Amino acid sequence: MAESDLRCRLCGSELSTGLVATDSRHCCLNTTPIAGTCPEHGPVGPHHAVED
């Protein structure tokens, strides 16, 4: 399996945790860190990431 067992809370897809999943912010106006990228919903925050 991948490095992470995080899944999207919205659809259950496995999140990619590559370069986009860091402590960097998606936007200068948004302080939510990106937990991973869902193939269906795009970048998601920790509130939409659940452990498998």
N, C-alpha and C. Protein backbone atom coordinates (compact mmCIF):
# COMPACT_ATOMS: atom_id res chain seq x y z
N MET A 1 0.84 -1.19 0.00
CA MET A 1 0.00 0.00 0.00
C MET A 1 0.88 1.25 0.00
N ALA A 2 0.28 2.41 -0.15
CA ALA A 2 1.02 3.66 -0.21
C ALA A 2 1.61 4.01 1.15
N GLU A 3 2.36 5.13 1.19
CA GLU A 3 2.97 5.57 2.44
C GLU A 3 1.91 5.86 3.49
N SER A 4 0.76 6.32 3.05
CA SER A 4 -0.30 6.73 3.97
C SER A 4 -1.55 5.91 3.73
N ASP A 5 -2.31 5.70 4.80
CA ASP A 5 -3.58 4.99 4.67
C ASP A 5 -4.74 5.97 4.80
N LEU A 6 -4.52 7.22 4.37
CA LEU A 6 -5.57 8.22 4.45
C LEU A 6 -6.54 8.06 3.29
N ARG A 7 -7.82 8.25 3.60
CA ARG A 7 -8.87 8.19 2.60
C ARG A 7 -9.74 9.44 2.70
N CYS A 8 -10.39 9.77 1.60
CA CYS A 8 -11.31 10.90 1.57
C CYS A 8 -12.57 10.54 2.35
N ARG A 9 -12.95 11.38 3.29
CA ARG A 9 -14.15 11.14 4.07
C ARG A 9 -15.41 11.24 3.21
N LEU A 10 -15.35 11.99 2.11
CA LEU A 10 -16.51 12.22 1.27
C LEU A 10 -16.84 11.03 0.37
N CYS A 11 -15.80 10.37 -0.20
CA CYS A 11 -16.07 9.30 -1.15
C CYS A 11 -15.32 8.01 -0.86
N GLY A 12 -14.36 8.02 0.06
CA GLY A 12 -13.63 6.81 0.40
C GLY A 12 -12.41 6.52 -0.46
N SER A 13 -12.11 7.39 -1.44
CA SER A 13 -10.94 7.18 -2.29
C SER A 13 -9.66 7.39 -1.52
N GLU A 14 -8.63 6.67 -1.91
CA GLU A 14 -7.31 6.83 -1.28
C GLU A 14 -6.73 8.18 -1.66
N LEU A 15 -6.18 8.88 -0.68
CA LEU A 15 -5.58 10.19 -0.93
C LEU A 15 -4.13 10.05 -1.37
N SER A 16 -3.75 10.83 -2.36
CA SER A 16 -2.35 10.93 -2.74
C SER A 16 -1.70 11.89 -1.77
N THR A 17 -0.53 11.52 -1.28
CA THR A 17 0.15 12.39 -0.33
C THR A 17 1.54 12.76 -0.86
N GLY A 18 1.58 13.23 -2.09
CA GLY A 18 2.83 13.63 -2.72
C GLY A 18 3.22 15.03 -2.29
N LEU A 19 3.74 15.80 -3.21
CA LEU A 19 4.25 17.14 -2.91
C LEU A 19 3.17 18.09 -2.41
N VAL A 20 1.93 17.90 -2.84
CA VAL A 20 0.87 18.83 -2.45
C VAL A 20 0.49 18.65 -0.98
N ALA A 21 0.72 17.48 -0.42
CA ALA A 21 0.32 17.21 0.97
C ALA A 21 1.46 17.56 1.92
N THR A 22 1.57 18.82 2.19
CA THR A 22 2.61 19.30 3.09
C THR A 22 1.97 20.26 4.07
N ASP A 23 2.78 20.92 4.86
CA ASP A 23 2.25 21.94 5.76
C ASP A 23 2.02 23.27 5.04
N SER A 24 2.34 23.32 3.74
CA SER A 24 2.10 24.55 2.99
C SER A 24 0.59 24.74 2.81
N ARG A 25 0.19 25.96 2.58
CA ARG A 25 -1.21 26.29 2.45
C ARG A 25 -1.61 26.31 0.98
N HIS A 26 -2.86 25.99 0.71
CA HIS A 26 -3.38 26.00 -0.65
C HIS A 26 -3.44 27.41 -1.21
N CYS A 27 -3.72 28.36 -0.36
CA CYS A 27 -3.87 29.75 -0.78
C CYS A 27 -3.45 30.65 0.37
N CYS A 28 -2.98 31.82 0.05
CA CYS A 28 -2.53 32.73 1.11
C CYS A 28 -3.68 33.16 2.01
N LEU A 29 -4.91 33.09 1.53
CA LEU A 29 -6.07 33.48 2.33
C LEU A 29 -6.68 32.30 3.09
N ASN A 30 -6.19 31.10 2.82
CA ASN A 30 -6.74 29.92 3.44
C ASN A 30 -5.67 29.30 4.33
N THR A 31 -5.94 29.18 5.62
CA THR A 31 -4.93 28.67 6.54
C THR A 31 -5.04 27.17 6.77
N THR A 32 -5.90 26.48 6.01
CA THR A 32 -6.06 25.04 6.18
C THR A 32 -4.94 24.29 5.47
N PRO A 33 -4.18 23.45 6.19
CA PRO A 33 -3.16 22.64 5.51
C PRO A 33 -3.81 21.57 4.65
N ILE A 34 -3.11 21.13 3.64
CA ILE A 34 -3.62 20.10 2.74
C ILE A 34 -3.15 18.74 3.24
N ALA A 35 -4.10 17.84 3.49
CA ALA A 35 -3.76 16.51 3.99
C ALA A 35 -3.42 15.56 2.84
N GLY A 36 -4.02 15.77 1.69
CA GLY A 36 -3.80 14.90 0.55
C GLY A 36 -4.68 15.32 -0.60
N THR A 37 -4.57 14.59 -1.71
CA THR A 37 -5.35 14.90 -2.89
C THR A 37 -6.24 13.72 -3.25
N CYS A 38 -7.52 13.98 -3.31
CA CYS A 38 -8.50 12.98 -3.69
C CYS A 38 -8.68 13.02 -5.21
N PRO A 39 -8.74 11.87 -5.89
CA PRO A 39 -8.94 11.89 -7.34
C PRO A 39 -10.29 12.50 -7.73
N GLU A 40 -11.26 12.44 -6.85
CA GLU A 40 -12.60 12.96 -7.13
C GLU A 40 -12.78 14.41 -6.68
N HIS A 41 -12.23 14.77 -5.50
CA HIS A 41 -12.48 16.08 -4.90
C HIS A 41 -11.28 17.02 -4.90
N GLY A 42 -10.12 16.57 -5.38
CA GLY A 42 -8.94 17.42 -5.40
C GLY A 42 -8.30 17.52 -4.02
N PRO A 43 -7.54 18.58 -3.77
CA PRO A 43 -6.88 18.74 -2.47
C PRO A 43 -7.90 18.84 -1.33
N VAL A 44 -7.67 18.08 -0.28
CA VAL A 44 -8.57 18.11 0.86
C VAL A 44 -7.78 18.38 2.14
N GLY A 45 -8.44 19.00 3.09
CA GLY A 45 -7.82 19.30 4.37
C GLY A 45 -7.94 18.13 5.33
N PRO A 46 -7.33 18.26 6.50
CA PRO A 46 -7.36 17.18 7.48
C PRO A 46 -8.77 16.81 7.94
N HIS A 47 -9.71 17.75 7.87
CA HIS A 47 -11.09 17.47 8.28
C HIS A 47 -11.81 16.54 7.30
N HIS A 48 -11.25 16.37 6.09
CA HIS A 48 -11.84 15.45 5.11
C HIS A 48 -10.98 14.22 4.91
N ALA A 49 -9.95 14.05 5.72
CA ALA A 49 -9.08 12.87 5.63
C ALA A 49 -9.33 11.95 6.82
N VAL A 50 -9.56 10.69 6.52
CA VAL A 50 -9.74 9.70 7.59
C VAL A 50 -8.77 8.56 7.38
N GLU A 51 -8.30 7.97 8.47
CA GLU A 51 -7.39 6.84 8.35
C GLU A 51 -8.17 5.59 8.01
N ASP A 52 -7.57 4.78 7.15
CA ASP A 52 -8.19 3.56 6.70
C ASP A 52 -8.19 2.52 7.81
